[in-house]
Amino acid sequence: MTSRKPPSMSMEDWVDLQVRQAEKDGKFDDLSGAGKPLKLADQHDPDWWVKDFIRRENIDTEALLPPPMLLRKEKAQVREKVAKMRRESEVRDYLEDLNKRIVLAIRDTTGPVIPVGKVDAAAALEQWRVDREEWLEERRRAAARADAADAVPAKKSFWQRLFS
């Protein structure tokens, strides 16, 4: 078949003829998307390119949130963040810095108004102490179990018993 449309044939007939010829030749067999639904947009989305870029580049969508919302999420995760810290001074500094950032966000009048209250530093510090003691106690128990396991003499092999 020629690659150009004959002048006597309509465009629709010419395309249908090419599709039928390709089907007969087996050009549509074993295609990568065979049997899968087409991804068609339900409606026009003006931000499709931004969403595609975020998905393609694996950008953390949390970075797109407004600062008060980020602070609110950080406030909800204080216990997990503080649990990883080793010293009380480190915990105090973190909580003080978080409260300063929250106060600045409260004073900022731009953007959406998302209520974020300050973190109760004393309660968070007390919870850190309790969690820290439990963690240290667990480590002590694990060390004691390891020492007890090491205290049991290992059984000598046949060759060690034979030549000792």
Protein backbone atom coordinates (compact mmCIF):
# COMPACT_ATOMS: atom_id res chain seq x y z
CA MET A 1 0.00 0.00 0.00
CA THR A 2 1.24 3.48 -0.71
CA SER A 3 2.06 5.77 2.15
CA ARG A 4 -0.05 8.54 0.61
CA LYS A 5 -3.83 8.69 0.50
CA PRO A 6 -5.24 8.21 -2.98
CA PRO A 7 -7.20 11.29 -4.07
CA SER A 8 -10.31 9.26 -4.84
CA MET A 9 -10.58 7.80 -1.31
CA SER A 10 -11.96 9.58 1.74
CA MET A 11 -9.68 10.01 4.74
CA GLU A 12 -11.85 7.77 6.95
CA ASP A 13 -11.84 4.93 4.43
CA TRP A 14 -8.10 5.24 3.89
CA VAL A 15 -7.37 5.05 7.67
CA ASP A 16 -9.74 2.10 8.11
CA LEU A 17 -8.01 0.30 5.24
CA GLN A 18 -4.58 0.84 6.83
CA VAL A 19 -5.80 -0.40 10.23
CA ARG A 20 -7.34 -3.54 8.71
CA GLN A 21 -4.14 -4.23 6.75
CA ALA A 22 -2.02 -3.81 9.91
CA GLU A 23 -4.33 -6.16 11.84
CA LYS A 24 -4.07 -8.74 9.07
CA ASP A 25 -0.25 -8.45 9.08
CA GLY A 26 -0.21 -8.97 12.88
CA LYS A 27 1.31 -5.60 13.75
CA PHE A 28 -1.06 -5.18 16.71
CA ASP A 29 -0.19 -8.54 18.28
CA ASP A 30 1.90 -8.57 21.49
CA LEU A 31 1.72 -4.84 22.17
CA SER A 32 2.92 -3.74 25.62
CA GLY A 33 -0.43 -2.26 26.67
CA ALA A 34 -2.59 -5.08 25.33
CA GLY A 35 -5.60 -5.77 27.54
CA LYS A 36 -4.99 -2.77 29.80
CA PRO A 37 -7.44 0.11 30.05
CA LEU A 38 -6.54 3.42 28.48
CA LYS A 39 -5.72 6.22 30.92
CA LEU A 40 -8.08 8.91 29.78
CA ALA A 41 -8.66 12.06 31.79
CA ASP A 42 -12.15 12.41 33.19
CA GLN A 43 -12.10 16.16 32.87
CA HIS A 44 -9.69 18.91 31.98
CA ASP A 45 -7.14 19.43 34.73
CA PRO A 46 -5.09 22.61 34.30
CA ASP A 47 -2.47 21.35 36.79
CA TRP A 48 -1.85 18.00 35.10
CA TRP A 49 1.74 18.90 34.28
CA VAL A 50 2.54 19.81 37.92
CA LYS A 51 1.03 16.56 39.20
CA ASP A 52 2.91 14.60 36.56
CA PHE A 53 6.19 16.34 37.45
CA ILE A 54 5.71 15.63 41.18
CA ARG A 55 4.95 11.97 40.49
CA ARG A 56 7.79 11.56 37.97
CA GLU A 57 10.46 13.25 40.10
CA ASN A 58 9.32 11.70 43.42
CA ILE A 59 8.99 15.10 45.08
CA ASP A 60 7.77 15.00 48.66
CA THR A 61 4.28 16.46 48.54
CA GLU A 62 4.62 17.56 52.16
CA ALA A 63 6.88 20.37 50.91
CA LEU A 64 3.87 21.88 49.13
CA LEU A 65 1.89 22.40 52.34
CA PRO A 66 1.60 25.86 53.90
CA PRO A 67 4.01 26.49 56.84
CA PRO A 68 1.31 26.39 59.55
CA MET A 69 0.18 22.97 58.33
CA LEU A 70 3.78 21.72 58.38
CA LEU A 71 4.14 22.99 61.93
CA ARG A 72 0.92 21.26 62.91
CA LYS A 73 2.20 17.96 61.49
CA GLU A 74 5.56 18.44 63.22
CA LYS A 75 3.78 19.15 66.50
CA ALA A 76 1.86 15.88 66.14
CA GLN A 77 5.14 14.00 65.63
CA VAL A 78 7.05 15.59 68.53
CA ARG A 79 7.19 12.39 70.59
CA GLU A 80 8.74 10.38 67.73
CA LYS A 81 11.30 13.10 66.92
CA VAL A 82 12.25 13.65 70.55
CA ALA A 83 12.61 9.90 71.19
CA LYS A 84 15.60 9.83 68.82
CA MET A 85 17.46 12.51 70.79
CA ARG A 86 20.05 11.51 73.39
CA ARG A 87 20.47 14.52 75.67
CA GLU A 88 17.94 16.57 77.60
CA SER A 89 19.55 19.79 76.39
CA GLU A 90 19.00 18.65 72.82
CA VAL A 91 15.30 18.04 73.55
CA ARG A 92 14.94 21.43 75.25
CA ASP A 93 16.58 23.22 72.31
CA TYR A 94 14.34 21.45 69.81
CA LEU A 95 11.15 22.23 71.72
CA GLU A 96 12.20 25.87 72.19
CA ASP A 97 12.94 26.21 68.47
CA LEU A 98 9.61 24.59 67.54
CA ASN A 99 7.68 26.94 69.83
CA LYS A 100 9.50 29.94 68.33
CA ARG A 101 8.54 28.83 64.82
CA ILE A 102 4.94 28.32 65.92
CA VAL A 103 4.81 31.84 67.42
CA LEU A 104 6.19 33.28 64.17
CA ALA A 105 3.57 31.37 62.17
CA ILE A 106 0.82 32.70 64.45
CA ARG A 107 2.02 36.27 63.95
CA ASP A 108 2.22 35.86 60.16
CA THR A 109 -0.99 37.16 58.62
CA THR A 110 -0.39 35.92 55.08
CA GLY A 111 -1.71 32.62 53.80
CA PRO A 112 -4.37 30.39 55.25
CA VAL A 113 -5.20 30.64 58.94
CA ILE A 114 -4.53 27.25 60.48
CA PRO A 115 -4.67 27.21 64.28
CA VAL A 116 -1.49 25.81 65.78
CA GLY A 117 -0.90 25.97 69.52
CA LYS A 118 2.46 25.93 71.23
CA VAL A 119 3.94 22.66 72.43
CA ASP A 120 3.83 22.02 76.18
CA ALA A 121 7.59 21.71 76.61
CA ALA A 122 7.43 20.49 80.21
CA ALA A 123 5.02 17.65 79.35
CA ALA A 124 7.02 16.68 76.26
CA LEU A 125 10.26 16.69 78.28
CA GLU A 126 8.69 14.54 81.02
CA GLN A 127 7.41 12.08 78.38
CA TRP A 128 10.91 11.96 76.87
CA ARG A 129 12.37 11.13 80.31
CA VAL A 130 9.87 8.30 80.82
CA ASP A 131 10.47 6.91 77.32
CA ARG A 132 14.22 7.24 77.78
CA GLU A 133 14.15 5.32 81.07
CA GLU A 134 12.14 2.53 79.46
CA TRP A 135 14.58 2.41 76.56
CA LEU A 136 17.61 2.31 78.89
CA GLU A 137 16.00 -0.40 81.01
CA GLU A 138 15.34 -2.49 77.89
CA ARG A 139 18.99 -2.07 76.85
CA ARG A 140 20.14 -3.16 80.32
CA ARG A 141 17.94 -6.27 80.13
CA ALA A 142 19.25 -7.09 76.65
CA ALA A 143 22.84 -6.69 77.85
CA ALA A 144 22.15 -8.92 80.85
CA ARG A 145 20.63 -11.58 78.57
CA ALA A 146 23.67 -11.38 76.30
CA ASP A 147 26.03 -11.72 79.28
CA ALA A 148 24.04 -14.70 80.56
CA ALA A 149 24.25 -16.36 77.16
CA ASP A 150 28.03 -15.77 77.08
CA ALA A 151 28.46 -17.20 80.62
CA VAL A 152 27.32 -20.68 79.54
CA PRO A 153 30.44 -22.55 78.48
CA ALA A 154 30.37 -23.67 74.90
CA LYS A 155 30.43 -27.40 74.32
CA LYS A 156 33.75 -28.59 72.96
CA SER A 157 33.80 -30.29 69.63
CA PHE A 158 34.83 -33.91 69.21
CA TRP A 159 38.32 -32.92 68.04
CA GLN A 160 38.85 -30.50 70.95
CA ARG A 161 37.87 -33.17 73.43
CA LEU A 162 40.05 -35.74 71.68
CA PHE A 163 43.22 -33.62 71.71
CA SER A 164 42.81 -31.87 75.08
